[in-house]
N, C-alpha and C. Protein backbone atom coordinates (compact mmCIF):
# COMPACT_ATOMS: atom_id res chain seq x y z
N MET A 1 -47.08 34.65 -15.92
CA MET A 1 -46.81 33.19 -16.09
C MET A 1 -45.52 32.76 -16.72
N GLU A 2 -44.67 34.05 -16.95
CA GLU A 2 -42.98 33.57 -17.21
C GLU A 2 -42.51 32.82 -16.00
N GLU A 3 -43.18 33.54 -14.71
CA GLU A 3 -42.65 33.69 -13.42
C GLU A 3 -42.71 32.07 -13.02
N ASN A 4 -44.42 31.75 -13.00
CA ASN A 4 -44.50 30.04 -13.14
C ASN A 4 -44.03 29.07 -13.90
N PHE A 5 -43.40 29.46 -15.23
CA PHE A 5 -42.37 28.49 -15.71
C PHE A 5 -41.03 28.44 -15.36
N ASP A 6 -40.79 29.65 -14.82
CA ASP A 6 -39.22 29.59 -14.30
C ASP A 6 -39.07 28.90 -12.72
N ALA A 7 -40.22 28.95 -12.16
CA ALA A 7 -40.38 28.10 -10.99
C ALA A 7 -40.37 26.49 -10.97
N LEU A 8 -41.49 26.33 -12.19
CA LEU A 8 -41.32 25.21 -12.51
C LEU A 8 -40.01 24.21 -13.13
N GLU A 9 -39.39 25.38 -13.66
CA GLU A 9 -38.28 24.61 -14.25
C GLU A 9 -37.22 24.42 -13.04
N VAL A 10 -36.94 25.38 -11.99
CA VAL A 10 -36.17 25.33 -10.99
C VAL A 10 -36.96 24.14 -10.27
N ILE A 11 -37.94 23.97 -10.20
CA ILE A 11 -38.40 22.63 -9.19
C ILE A 11 -37.76 21.27 -10.09
N ALA A 12 -38.19 21.42 -11.29
CA ALA A 12 -37.63 20.42 -12.20
C ALA A 12 -36.35 19.94 -12.11
N ARG A 13 -35.43 20.80 -12.32
CA ARG A 13 -33.85 20.90 -11.99
C ARG A 13 -33.34 20.26 -10.53
N THR A 14 -34.22 20.92 -9.59
CA THR A 14 -33.88 20.62 -8.16
C THR A 14 -34.19 19.05 -7.77
N ARG A 15 -35.55 18.63 -8.41
CA ARG A 15 -35.85 17.35 -8.24
C ARG A 15 -34.84 16.27 -8.94
N GLY A 16 -34.38 16.85 -10.19
CA GLY A 16 -33.34 15.78 -11.00
C GLY A 16 -32.38 16.12 -10.21
N LYS A 17 -31.81 16.94 -9.56
CA LYS A 17 -30.38 16.88 -9.07
C LYS A 17 -30.48 16.07 -7.63
N VAL A 18 -31.59 16.17 -7.08
CA VAL A 18 -31.91 14.82 -6.01
C VAL A 18 -31.74 13.70 -6.18
N GLU A 19 -32.33 13.51 -7.16
CA GLU A 19 -32.41 11.98 -7.63
C GLU A 19 -31.54 11.65 -7.91
N MET A 20 -30.43 12.24 -8.72
CA MET A 20 -29.15 12.16 -9.16
C MET A 20 -28.11 11.91 -7.95
N ASP A 21 -28.44 12.72 -7.23
CA ASP A 21 -27.31 12.60 -5.78
C ASP A 21 -27.90 11.22 -5.23
N ASP A 22 -28.98 11.06 -5.36
CA ASP A 22 -29.38 9.81 -4.39
C ASP A 22 -29.14 8.46 -5.28
N ARG A 23 -28.76 8.62 -6.62
CA ARG A 23 -28.29 7.17 -7.20
C ARG A 23 -26.71 6.94 -6.97
N PRO A 24 -26.77 5.76 -6.49
CA PRO A 24 -25.20 5.59 -6.44
C PRO A 24 -24.27 5.53 -7.93
N THR A 25 -23.29 5.97 -7.75
CA THR A 25 -22.40 5.93 -9.03
C THR A 25 -21.27 5.13 -9.15
N GLY A 26 -20.72 4.22 -7.66
CA GLY A 26 -19.74 3.68 -7.85
C GLY A 26 -18.37 4.47 -7.97
N ASN A 27 -18.31 5.56 -7.87
CA ASN A 27 -17.04 6.75 -7.83
C ASN A 27 -16.22 6.34 -6.34
N TRP A 28 -16.77 5.66 -5.62
CA TRP A 28 -15.87 5.48 -4.34
C TRP A 28 -15.11 4.36 -4.61
N LEU A 29 -15.15 3.34 -5.93
CA LEU A 29 -14.27 2.42 -5.72
C LEU A 29 -12.82 2.64 -6.45
N PHE A 30 -12.56 3.79 -6.98
CA PHE A 30 -11.11 4.20 -7.16
C PHE A 30 -10.23 4.47 -6.01
N PRO A 31 -10.92 5.30 -5.02
CA PRO A 31 -10.20 5.85 -3.80
C PRO A 31 -10.09 4.47 -2.77
N MET A 32 -11.20 3.87 -3.02
CA MET A 32 -11.55 2.61 -1.66
C MET A 32 -9.97 1.78 -2.13
N TRP A 33 -10.03 1.44 -3.55
CA TRP A 33 -8.85 0.30 -4.11
C TRP A 33 -7.58 1.03 -3.78
N GLY A 34 -7.47 2.35 -3.80
CA GLY A 34 -6.25 3.08 -3.97
C GLY A 34 -5.74 3.01 -2.50
N TRP A 35 -6.79 3.39 -1.36
CA TRP A 35 -6.18 3.55 -0.08
C TRP A 35 -5.86 2.09 0.53
N LEU A 36 -6.59 1.14 0.22
CA LEU A 36 -6.22 -0.44 0.59
C LEU A 36 -4.70 -0.75 0.02
N THR A 37 -4.76 -0.54 -1.50
CA THR A 37 -3.68 -1.01 -2.03
C THR A 37 -2.34 -0.08 -1.38
N ALA A 38 -2.20 1.30 -1.37
CA ALA A 38 -1.51 2.16 -0.64
C ALA A 38 -0.99 1.60 1.12
N PHE A 39 -2.16 1.33 1.73
CA PHE A 39 -2.03 0.46 3.02
C PHE A 39 -1.45 -0.70 3.24
N PHE A 40 -1.72 -1.42 2.47
CA PHE A 40 -1.07 -2.61 2.65
C PHE A 40 0.72 -2.54 2.06
N TYR A 41 0.73 -2.30 1.11
CA TYR A 41 1.83 -2.06 0.36
C TYR A 41 2.94 -1.27 1.17
N LEU A 42 2.35 -0.26 2.00
CA LEU A 42 3.08 0.41 2.66
C LEU A 42 3.47 -0.59 3.97
N ALA A 43 2.80 -1.29 4.47
CA ALA A 43 2.72 -1.97 5.38
C ALA A 43 4.37 -2.88 5.12
N GLU A 44 3.76 -3.34 3.94
CA GLU A 44 4.89 -4.43 3.32
C GLU A 44 6.13 -3.72 3.24
N PHE A 45 6.10 -2.59 2.50
CA PHE A 45 7.74 -2.00 2.45
C PHE A 45 8.06 -1.66 3.87
N ILE A 46 7.37 -1.28 4.73
CA ILE A 46 7.90 -0.92 6.15
C ILE A 46 8.37 -2.23 7.04
N CYS A 47 7.86 -3.20 6.92
CA CYS A 47 8.14 -4.39 7.62
C CYS A 47 9.20 -5.25 6.60
N TRP A 48 9.40 -4.88 5.57
CA TRP A 48 10.61 -5.64 4.78
C TRP A 48 11.89 -5.02 5.08
N GLN A 49 11.86 -3.66 5.11
CA GLN A 49 12.84 -2.81 5.50
C GLN A 49 13.30 -3.25 6.85
N LEU A 50 12.29 -3.50 7.87
CA LEU A 50 12.72 -3.54 9.44
C LEU A 50 13.37 -4.96 9.49
N PHE A 51 12.58 -6.01 9.16
CA PHE A 51 12.78 -7.42 9.26
C PHE A 51 13.21 -8.31 8.48
N HIS A 52 12.97 -7.81 7.04
CA HIS A 52 13.64 -8.76 5.71
C HIS A 52 13.36 -10.31 6.17
N GLN A 53 12.14 -10.48 6.44
CA GLN A 53 11.65 -11.65 6.72
C GLN A 53 10.49 -12.29 5.10
N PRO A 54 10.24 -13.44 4.86
CA PRO A 54 9.54 -13.98 3.85
C PRO A 54 8.24 -13.54 3.88
N TRP A 55 7.69 -13.33 5.21
CA TRP A 55 6.27 -13.06 5.81
C TRP A 55 5.91 -11.83 5.18
N CYS A 56 6.77 -10.95 5.20
CA CYS A 56 6.47 -9.63 5.10
C CYS A 56 5.85 -9.45 3.54
N LEU A 57 6.40 -10.19 2.61
CA LEU A 57 6.06 -10.04 1.08
C LEU A 57 4.55 -10.48 0.85
N TRP A 58 4.05 -10.85 1.64
CA TRP A 58 2.64 -11.62 1.56
C TRP A 58 1.74 -10.62 2.28
N LEU A 59 2.14 -9.54 2.92
CA LEU A 59 1.07 -8.73 3.27
C LEU A 59 0.30 -8.20 2.52
N TRP A 60 0.12 -7.79 0.82
CA TRP A 60 -0.38 -7.62 -0.24
C TRP A 60 -1.90 -8.54 -0.08
N VAL A 61 -2.06 -9.57 0.41
CA VAL A 61 -2.89 -10.64 0.20
C VAL A 61 -4.18 -9.92 0.86
N GLY A 62 -3.61 -9.04 1.94
CA GLY A 62 -4.83 -8.29 2.76
C GLY A 62 -5.69 -7.29 1.96
N ILE A 63 -5.10 -6.83 0.78
CA ILE A 63 -5.99 -5.96 0.02
C ILE A 63 -7.23 -6.75 -0.57
N PRO A 64 -7.04 -8.09 -1.08
CA PRO A 64 -8.40 -8.55 -1.98
C PRO A 64 -9.03 -9.03 -0.44
N VAL A 65 -8.21 -9.56 0.69
CA VAL A 65 -8.98 -10.27 2.07
C VAL A 65 -10.47 -8.92 2.67
N VAL A 66 -9.73 -7.78 2.42
CA VAL A 66 -10.33 -6.60 3.16
C VAL A 66 -11.24 -6.30 1.86
N GLY A 67 -10.92 -6.14 0.45
CA GLY A 67 -11.19 -5.34 -0.30
C GLY A 67 -12.78 -5.89 -0.94
N MET A 68 -12.23 -7.30 -1.29
CA MET A 68 -13.66 -8.00 -1.71
C MET A 68 -14.74 -7.64 -1.14
N PRO A 69 -14.68 -8.04 0.32
CA PRO A 69 -16.02 -8.29 1.25
C PRO A 69 -16.46 -6.92 1.53
N LEU A 70 -15.65 -5.62 1.27
CA LEU A 70 -16.00 -4.28 1.63
C LEU A 70 -16.86 -3.90 0.25
N MET A 71 -16.38 -4.32 -0.90
CA MET A 71 -16.63 -4.04 -1.94
C MET A 71 -18.28 -4.70 -2.28
N ALA A 72 -18.31 -5.94 -1.55
CA ALA A 72 -19.53 -6.67 -2.17
C ALA A 72 -20.77 -6.34 -0.97
N LEU A 73 -20.34 -5.75 0.35
CA LEU A 73 -21.19 -5.03 1.17
C LEU A 73 -21.70 -3.82 0.58
N LEU A 74 -20.69 -2.76 -0.19
CA LEU A 74 -21.25 -1.72 -0.53
C LEU A 74 -21.96 -1.87 -1.84
N LEU A 75 -21.81 -2.86 -2.52
CA LEU A 75 -22.42 -3.19 -3.65
C LEU A 75 -23.86 -3.60 -3.27
N ARG A 76 -24.03 -4.19 -2.26
CA ARG A 76 -25.40 -4.68 -1.86
C ARG A 76 -26.10 -3.51 -1.75
N LYS A 77 -25.77 -2.60 -1.15
CA LYS A 77 -26.57 -1.33 -1.07
C LYS A 77 -26.57 -0.24 -2.40
N ASP A 78 -25.60 -0.74 -3.05
CA ASP A 78 -25.94 -0.01 -4.65
C ASP A 78 -26.93 -0.78 -5.60
N HIS A 79 -28.15 -0.75 -5.62
CA HIS A 79 -28.78 -1.16 -6.53
C HIS A 79 -28.65 -0.68 -7.90
N GLU A 80 -28.08 0.32 -8.03
CA GLU A 80 -28.00 0.85 -9.48
C GLU A 80 -26.72 0.27 -10.28
N ARG A 81 -27.16 -0.33 -11.34
CA ARG A 81 -26.20 -1.03 -12.23
C ARG A 81 -26.33 -0.20 -13.72
N THR A 82 -26.86 0.71 -13.87
CA THR A 82 -27.29 1.23 -15.04
C THR A 82 -25.74 2.21 -15.45
N HIS A 83 -24.82 1.98 -14.57
CA HIS A 83 -23.74 2.90 -15.09
C HIS A 83 -22.76 2.45 -16.32
N MET A 84 -23.05 1.27 -16.19
CA MET A 84 -22.28 0.31 -17.25
C MET A 84 -23.41 0.32 -18.71
N ARG A 85 -23.51 1.22 -19.18
CA ARG A 85 -24.47 1.43 -20.15
C ARG A 85 -23.89 1.12 -21.62
N THR A 86 -22.70 1.49 -22.11
CA THR A 86 -22.17 1.68 -23.16
C THR A 86 -20.99 0.48 -23.07
N ARG A 87 -20.90 -0.16 -24.22
CA ARG A 87 -20.02 -0.97 -25.00
C ARG A 87 -18.78 -0.75 -24.16
N ARG A 88 -18.01 0.64 -24.68
CA ARG A 88 -16.85 0.93 -24.01
C ARG A 88 -16.80 0.84 -22.89
N SER A 89 -18.20 1.02 -21.81
CA SER A 89 -17.71 0.88 -20.34
C SER A 89 -17.63 -0.13 -19.51
N ARG A 90 -18.18 -1.57 -20.40
CA ARG A 90 -18.16 -2.58 -20.20
C ARG A 90 -16.85 -3.10 -20.53
N LEU A 91 -16.11 -2.59 -21.44
CA LEU A 91 -14.64 -2.78 -21.84
C LEU A 91 -13.79 -2.57 -20.47
N VAL A 92 -14.21 -1.29 -20.15
CA VAL A 92 -13.18 -0.94 -18.98
C VAL A 92 -13.41 -1.68 -17.56
N LEU A 93 -14.69 -2.08 -17.40
CA LEU A 93 -14.53 -3.08 -16.19
C LEU A 93 -14.02 -4.53 -16.58
N ASP A 94 -14.16 -4.73 -17.87
CA ASP A 94 -13.47 -6.06 -18.09
C ASP A 94 -12.09 -5.98 -18.06
N TYR A 95 -11.29 -4.93 -18.09
CA TYR A 95 -10.17 -4.62 -17.91
C TYR A 95 -9.65 -4.75 -16.87
N TRP A 96 -10.38 -4.02 -15.80
CA TRP A 96 -10.13 -3.99 -14.54
C TRP A 96 -10.43 -5.33 -13.97
N ILE A 97 -11.30 -6.43 -14.27
CA ILE A 97 -11.40 -7.27 -14.02
C ILE A 97 -10.24 -8.40 -14.41
N PHE A 98 -9.59 -8.43 -15.69
CA PHE A 98 -8.48 -9.04 -16.06
C PHE A 98 -7.30 -8.46 -15.25
N ALA A 99 -7.23 -6.75 -14.98
CA ALA A 99 -6.04 -6.60 -14.11
C ALA A 99 -5.67 -7.29 -12.82
N ALA A 100 -7.20 -7.32 -12.07
CA ALA A 100 -7.07 -7.96 -10.80
C ALA A 100 -6.88 -9.20 -11.06
N CYS A 101 -7.32 -9.94 -11.79
CA CYS A 101 -7.17 -11.36 -11.82
C CYS A 101 -5.35 -11.72 -11.86
N ALA A 102 -5.04 -10.88 -13.08
CA ALA A 102 -3.49 -10.68 -13.38
C ALA A 102 -2.62 -10.27 -12.53
N ILE A 103 -2.85 -9.42 -11.70
CA ILE A 103 -2.40 -9.19 -10.24
C ILE A 103 -2.06 -10.26 -9.36
N GLY A 104 -3.40 -11.08 -9.02
CA GLY A 104 -3.71 -11.56 -7.63
C GLY A 104 -3.02 -13.13 -8.35
N VAL A 105 -3.11 -13.69 -9.57
CA VAL A 105 -2.57 -14.92 -10.01
C VAL A 105 -1.08 -14.58 -9.82
N GLY A 106 -0.24 -13.54 -10.91
CA GLY A 106 0.90 -13.28 -10.62
C GLY A 106 1.69 -13.17 -9.36
N GLY A 107 0.90 -12.75 -8.47
CA GLY A 107 1.23 -12.44 -7.17
C GLY A 107 1.66 -13.84 -6.34
N PHE A 108 0.63 -14.67 -6.67
CA PHE A 108 0.92 -16.18 -6.04
C PHE A 108 2.09 -17.11 -6.36
N LEU A 109 1.92 -16.87 -8.18
CA LEU A 109 2.85 -17.50 -9.12
C LEU A 109 4.49 -17.39 -8.69
N TYR A 110 4.25 -15.73 -8.75
CA TYR A 110 5.83 -15.13 -8.87
C TYR A 110 6.79 -15.28 -7.34
N GLY A 111 5.35 -15.04 -6.07
CA GLY A 111 5.73 -15.39 -4.61
C GLY A 111 6.51 -16.95 -4.47
N PHE A 112 5.74 -18.00 -5.00
CA PHE A 112 5.90 -19.15 -4.68
C PHE A 112 7.08 -19.51 -5.41
N ALA A 113 7.39 -18.95 -6.38
CA ALA A 113 8.49 -19.15 -7.47
C ALA A 113 9.69 -18.62 -6.79
N GLY A 114 9.53 -17.47 -5.96
CA GLY A 114 10.41 -16.82 -5.43
C GLY A 114 11.36 -15.59 -6.29
N VAL A 115 10.62 -14.93 -7.31
CA VAL A 115 10.99 -14.36 -8.38
C VAL A 115 10.08 -13.12 -8.22
N TYR A 116 9.48 -12.77 -7.20
CA TYR A 116 8.43 -11.62 -6.86
C TYR A 116 9.22 -10.52 -7.83
N GLU A 117 10.30 -10.08 -6.98
CA GLU A 117 10.66 -8.56 -7.65
C GLU A 117 10.92 -8.76 -9.09
N ILE A 118 10.90 -9.80 -10.09
CA ILE A 118 11.37 -9.53 -11.24
C ILE A 118 10.54 -8.78 -12.37
N ALA A 119 8.92 -9.24 -12.04
CA ALA A 119 8.07 -8.54 -12.57
C ALA A 119 6.70 -8.36 -11.90
N GLU A 120 6.46 -9.21 -11.03
CA GLU A 120 5.25 -8.60 -10.34
C GLU A 120 5.10 -7.20 -9.65
N ASN A 121 5.80 -6.42 -8.84
CA ASN A 121 5.53 -5.06 -8.41
C ASN A 121 5.78 -4.22 -9.85
N PRO A 122 6.52 -4.27 -11.03
CA PRO A 122 6.35 -3.17 -11.74
C PRO A 122 5.02 -3.68 -12.62
N MET A 123 4.69 -4.77 -13.11
CA MET A 123 3.44 -5.24 -13.39
C MET A 123 2.21 -4.68 -12.84
N ILE A 124 1.95 -4.58 -11.35
CA ILE A 124 0.95 -3.80 -10.73
C ILE A 124 0.78 -2.38 -10.96
N CYS A 125 1.99 -1.76 -11.00
CA CYS A 125 2.09 0.05 -11.20
C CYS A 125 1.56 -0.24 -12.58
N LEU A 126 2.20 -0.97 -13.73
CA LEU A 126 1.68 -0.90 -15.14
C LEU A 126 0.31 -1.25 -15.41
N LEU A 127 -0.21 -2.15 -14.84
CA LEU A 127 -1.81 -2.51 -15.19
C LEU A 127 -2.50 -1.38 -14.23
N VAL A 128 -2.38 -0.83 -13.38
CA VAL A 128 -3.10 -0.07 -12.63
C VAL A 128 -2.64 1.23 -13.35
N GLY A 129 -1.79 1.56 -13.76
CA GLY A 129 -1.74 3.00 -14.31
C GLY A 129 -2.56 3.12 -15.74
N ILE A 130 -2.48 2.02 -16.51
CA ILE A 130 -3.03 1.59 -17.84
C ILE A 130 -4.71 1.49 -17.47
N GLY A 131 -5.08 0.94 -16.70
CA GLY A 131 -6.73 0.76 -16.09
C GLY A 131 -7.28 2.43 -16.10
N ALA A 132 -6.26 2.88 -15.12
CA ALA A 132 -6.85 4.77 -14.59
C ALA A 132 -6.59 5.26 -16.02
N PHE A 133 -5.51 5.13 -16.96
CA PHE A 133 -5.75 5.93 -18.31
C PHE A 133 -6.84 5.41 -19.07
N ILE A 134 -7.12 4.55 -18.92
CA ILE A 134 -8.38 3.72 -20.02
C ILE A 134 -9.78 4.60 -19.54
N THR A 135 -9.90 3.95 -18.27
CA THR A 135 -10.86 4.84 -17.47
C THR A 135 -11.07 6.29 -17.56
N GLY A 136 -10.00 7.16 -17.31
CA GLY A 136 -10.03 8.40 -17.57
C GLY A 136 -10.24 8.97 -19.07
N GLU A 137 -9.98 8.03 -19.94
CA GLU A 137 -10.40 8.39 -21.39
C GLU A 137 -11.81 7.93 -21.81
N GLU A 138 -12.34 7.08 -20.85
CA GLU A 138 -13.73 7.05 -21.22
C GLU A 138 -14.63 7.83 -20.34
N ASN A 139 -14.28 8.40 -19.31
CA ASN A 139 -14.89 9.43 -18.44
C ASN A 139 -14.52 10.91 -18.83
N ARG A 140 -13.62 11.15 -19.90
CA ARG A 140 -13.18 12.14 -20.15
C ARG A 140 -12.58 13.02 -19.00
N PHE A 141 -12.20 12.43 -18.12
CA PHE A 141 -11.49 13.12 -16.87
C PHE A 141 -9.97 13.37 -16.81
N ARG A 142 -9.37 14.18 -17.24
CA ARG A 142 -7.97 14.61 -17.38
C ARG A 142 -6.95 14.13 -16.39
N PRO A 143 -7.52 14.61 -14.80
CA PRO A 143 -6.84 13.87 -13.93
C PRO A 143 -6.22 12.42 -13.61
N MET A 144 -7.34 11.91 -14.35
CA MET A 144 -7.27 10.35 -14.16
C MET A 144 -6.47 10.07 -15.26
N ILE A 145 -6.63 10.52 -16.49
CA ILE A 145 -5.85 10.07 -17.77
C ILE A 145 -4.49 10.49 -17.41
N VAL A 146 -4.15 11.65 -16.67
CA VAL A 146 -2.78 11.75 -16.35
C VAL A 146 -2.09 10.85 -15.46
N GLY A 147 -2.85 10.66 -14.37
CA GLY A 147 -2.58 9.82 -13.30
C GLY A 147 -2.12 8.57 -13.69
N GLY A 148 -3.24 8.25 -14.54
CA GLY A 148 -2.74 6.71 -15.03
C GLY A 148 -1.35 6.39 -16.04
N LEU A 149 -0.97 7.97 -16.55
CA LEU A 149 0.14 8.02 -17.53
C LEU A 149 1.38 7.67 -16.57
N LEU A 150 1.06 8.84 -15.16
CA LEU A 150 2.36 8.51 -14.42
C LEU A 150 2.70 7.39 -13.51
N GLY A 151 1.51 6.51 -13.40
CA GLY A 151 1.48 5.25 -12.95
C GLY A 151 1.76 4.37 -13.65
N ALA A 152 1.79 4.34 -14.80
CA ALA A 152 2.29 3.38 -16.19
C ALA A 152 3.61 3.90 -16.05
N ALA A 153 4.12 4.90 -15.85
CA ALA A 153 5.72 5.49 -15.97
C ALA A 153 6.11 4.88 -14.55
N ILE A 154 5.44 4.85 -13.78
CA ILE A 154 6.54 4.60 -12.36
C ILE A 154 6.48 3.19 -12.43
N GLY A 155 5.67 2.31 -13.36
CA GLY A 155 5.85 0.98 -13.40
C GLY A 155 7.11 0.80 -14.04
N ILE A 156 7.30 1.29 -15.05
CA ILE A 156 8.21 0.95 -16.18
C ILE A 156 9.28 1.46 -15.40
N GLY A 157 9.69 2.49 -14.93
CA GLY A 157 10.76 2.60 -14.19
C GLY A 157 11.12 1.79 -12.94
N SER A 158 10.02 1.48 -12.31
CA SER A 158 10.22 0.32 -11.21
C SER A 158 10.94 -0.85 -11.74
N PHE A 159 10.79 -1.14 -12.86
CA PHE A 159 11.76 -2.23 -13.68
C PHE A 159 13.33 -2.18 -13.50
N LEU A 160 13.60 -1.09 -13.03
CA LEU A 160 15.26 -0.55 -12.84
C LEU A 160 15.46 -1.14 -11.40
N LEU A 161 14.35 -1.04 -10.45
CA LEU A 161 14.66 -1.46 -9.00
C LEU A 161 15.13 -2.32 -8.71
N ARG A 162 16.50 -3.14 -9.07
CA ARG A 162 16.86 -4.78 -8.68
C ARG A 162 17.74 -4.22 -7.63
N GLY A 163 18.26 -5.80 -7.58
CA GLY A 163 19.02 -5.90 -6.48
C GLY A 163 18.71 -5.43 -5.21
N ASP A 164 19.73 -4.45 -4.62
CA ASP A 164 19.18 -4.15 -3.23
C ASP A 164 18.44 -2.65 -2.96
N LEU A 165 17.83 -2.42 -4.47
CA LEU A 165 17.10 -1.61 -4.81
C LEU A 165 15.95 -2.09 -4.33
N TRP A 166 15.77 -3.34 -4.88
CA TRP A 166 14.30 -4.03 -5.00
C TRP A 166 13.40 -3.66 -4.07
N GLY A 167 13.28 -3.82 -2.59
CA GLY A 167 12.64 -3.28 -1.72
C GLY A 167 11.86 -1.94 -1.88
N TRP A 168 12.36 -1.03 -2.82
CA TRP A 168 11.51 0.45 -3.12
C TRP A 168 10.74 0.05 -4.30
N GLN A 169 10.78 -1.04 -4.86
CA GLN A 169 9.47 -1.31 -5.62
C GLN A 169 8.25 -1.35 -5.02
N MET A 170 8.05 -1.88 -3.56
CA MET A 170 6.77 -1.82 -2.70
C MET A 170 6.27 0.08 -2.70
N ALA A 171 7.40 0.72 -2.48
CA ALA A 171 7.16 2.29 -2.73
C ALA A 171 6.94 2.52 -3.38
N ALA A 172 7.18 2.40 -4.65
CA ALA A 172 6.39 2.51 -5.91
C ALA A 172 4.91 2.35 -6.49
N ILE A 173 4.57 1.11 -5.74
CA ILE A 173 3.40 0.74 -5.55
C ILE A 173 2.52 1.53 -5.00
N VAL A 174 2.90 2.04 -3.88
CA VAL A 174 2.29 3.18 -3.11
C VAL A 174 2.06 4.52 -3.81
N LEU A 175 3.06 5.00 -4.55
CA LEU A 175 3.19 6.01 -5.14
C LEU A 175 2.07 6.07 -6.39
N THR A 176 2.04 4.95 -7.06
CA THR A 176 1.22 4.37 -8.02
C THR A 176 -0.20 4.34 -7.76
N ALA A 177 -0.53 3.94 -6.33
CA ALA A 177 -1.77 3.88 -6.19
C ALA A 177 -2.50 5.38 -5.62
N ALA A 178 -1.46 6.28 -4.92
CA ALA A 178 -1.70 7.60 -4.98
C ALA A 178 -1.97 8.45 -6.00
N VAL A 179 -1.00 8.32 -7.22
CA VAL A 179 -1.06 9.06 -8.41
C VAL A 179 -2.52 8.73 -9.11
N SER A 180 -2.51 7.45 -9.67
CA SER A 180 -3.58 6.91 -10.51
C SER A 180 -4.83 6.44 -9.73
N LEU A 181 -4.74 6.15 -8.64
CA LEU A 181 -6.12 5.82 -7.73
C LEU A 181 -7.02 6.88 -7.12
N ILE A 182 -5.96 7.18 -6.06
CA ILE A 182 -6.53 8.13 -4.92
C ILE A 182 -6.60 9.53 -5.14
N ILE A 183 -5.40 10.24 -5.75
CA ILE A 183 -5.73 11.27 -6.07
C ILE A 183 -7.23 11.78 -7.50
N PRO A 184 -6.86 11.23 -8.31
CA PRO A 184 -8.05 11.13 -9.46
C PRO A 184 -9.29 10.70 -8.70
N GLY A 185 -9.30 9.68 -7.82
CA GLY A 185 -10.45 9.20 -7.58
C GLY A 185 -11.41 9.90 -6.63
N HIS A 186 -10.74 10.77 -5.86
CA HIS A 186 -11.65 11.71 -5.17
C HIS A 186 -12.13 12.97 -5.73
N LEU A 187 -10.95 13.65 -7.21
CA LEU A 187 -11.24 14.76 -7.85
C LEU A 187 -12.49 14.25 -8.53
N PHE A 188 -12.65 12.87 -8.89
CA PHE A 188 -13.75 12.53 -9.93
C PHE A 188 -14.78 12.38 -9.21
N GLU A 189 -14.55 11.81 -7.70
CA GLU A 189 -16.38 11.84 -6.59
C GLU A 189 -16.45 13.27 -6.42
N LYS A 190 -15.70 14.15 -6.45
CA LYS A 190 -15.90 15.61 -5.93
C LYS A 190 -16.50 15.97 -7.17
N ARG A 191 -16.08 15.83 -8.42
CA ARG A 191 -16.77 16.64 -9.72
C ARG A 191 -18.07 16.08 -10.17
N THR A 192 -18.33 14.59 -9.64
CA THR A 192 -19.75 13.68 -10.04
C THR A 192 -20.48 14.79 -8.99
N LYS A 193 -20.30 14.78 -7.54
CA LYS A 193 -21.13 15.44 -6.42
C LYS A 193 -21.42 16.82 -6.91
N ASN A 194 -20.65 17.67 -7.74
CA ASN A 194 -20.85 18.77 -7.77
C ASN A 194 -21.66 18.74 -9.30
N GLY A 195 -21.79 17.63 -9.55
CA GLY A 195 -22.39 17.84 -11.30
C GLY A 195 -21.90 18.31 -12.20
N ILE A 196 -20.50 18.32 -12.41
CA ILE A 196 -19.83 18.85 -13.41
C ILE A 196 -19.65 18.22 -14.31
């Protein structure tokens, strides 16, 4: 009798794990946006170092141009929206929406004003770092918390990159994307797959 109970428990756990594996979680968002950010800002940094032409500073526009349709396509397949159950999770999502709008609007305003280097690039690092930190706090995931703090610190430090060093602010964004989004995002995705 006890063996039958153990077998039923194993079946129930296995079924639950399969159902959880099939449920989309949205964990791919951090690495996706991190890789897009790193790619386009690395391209911007390299082109700026080689050509020093104003068009180089607009390569970042490729991030939303590629990222938004890609995210919409992937979210169409993601019919599960229940991962935003709590008020805190919705606040985290609201923060990311605010950060994306601030970065996008700021990029255009600073770009057209010709003062891009004053605050836009450090602001990107700072907002991404803070976002990773609060997301890590919400999920109680230490690598994301640490990555967020490092990203925010890079943002604060990149305010010092002025004058001839200004171009290195773009490299700071690539570094922030790596430590705040890519690395913790992949670790979090792995942790979720392992059911930890």
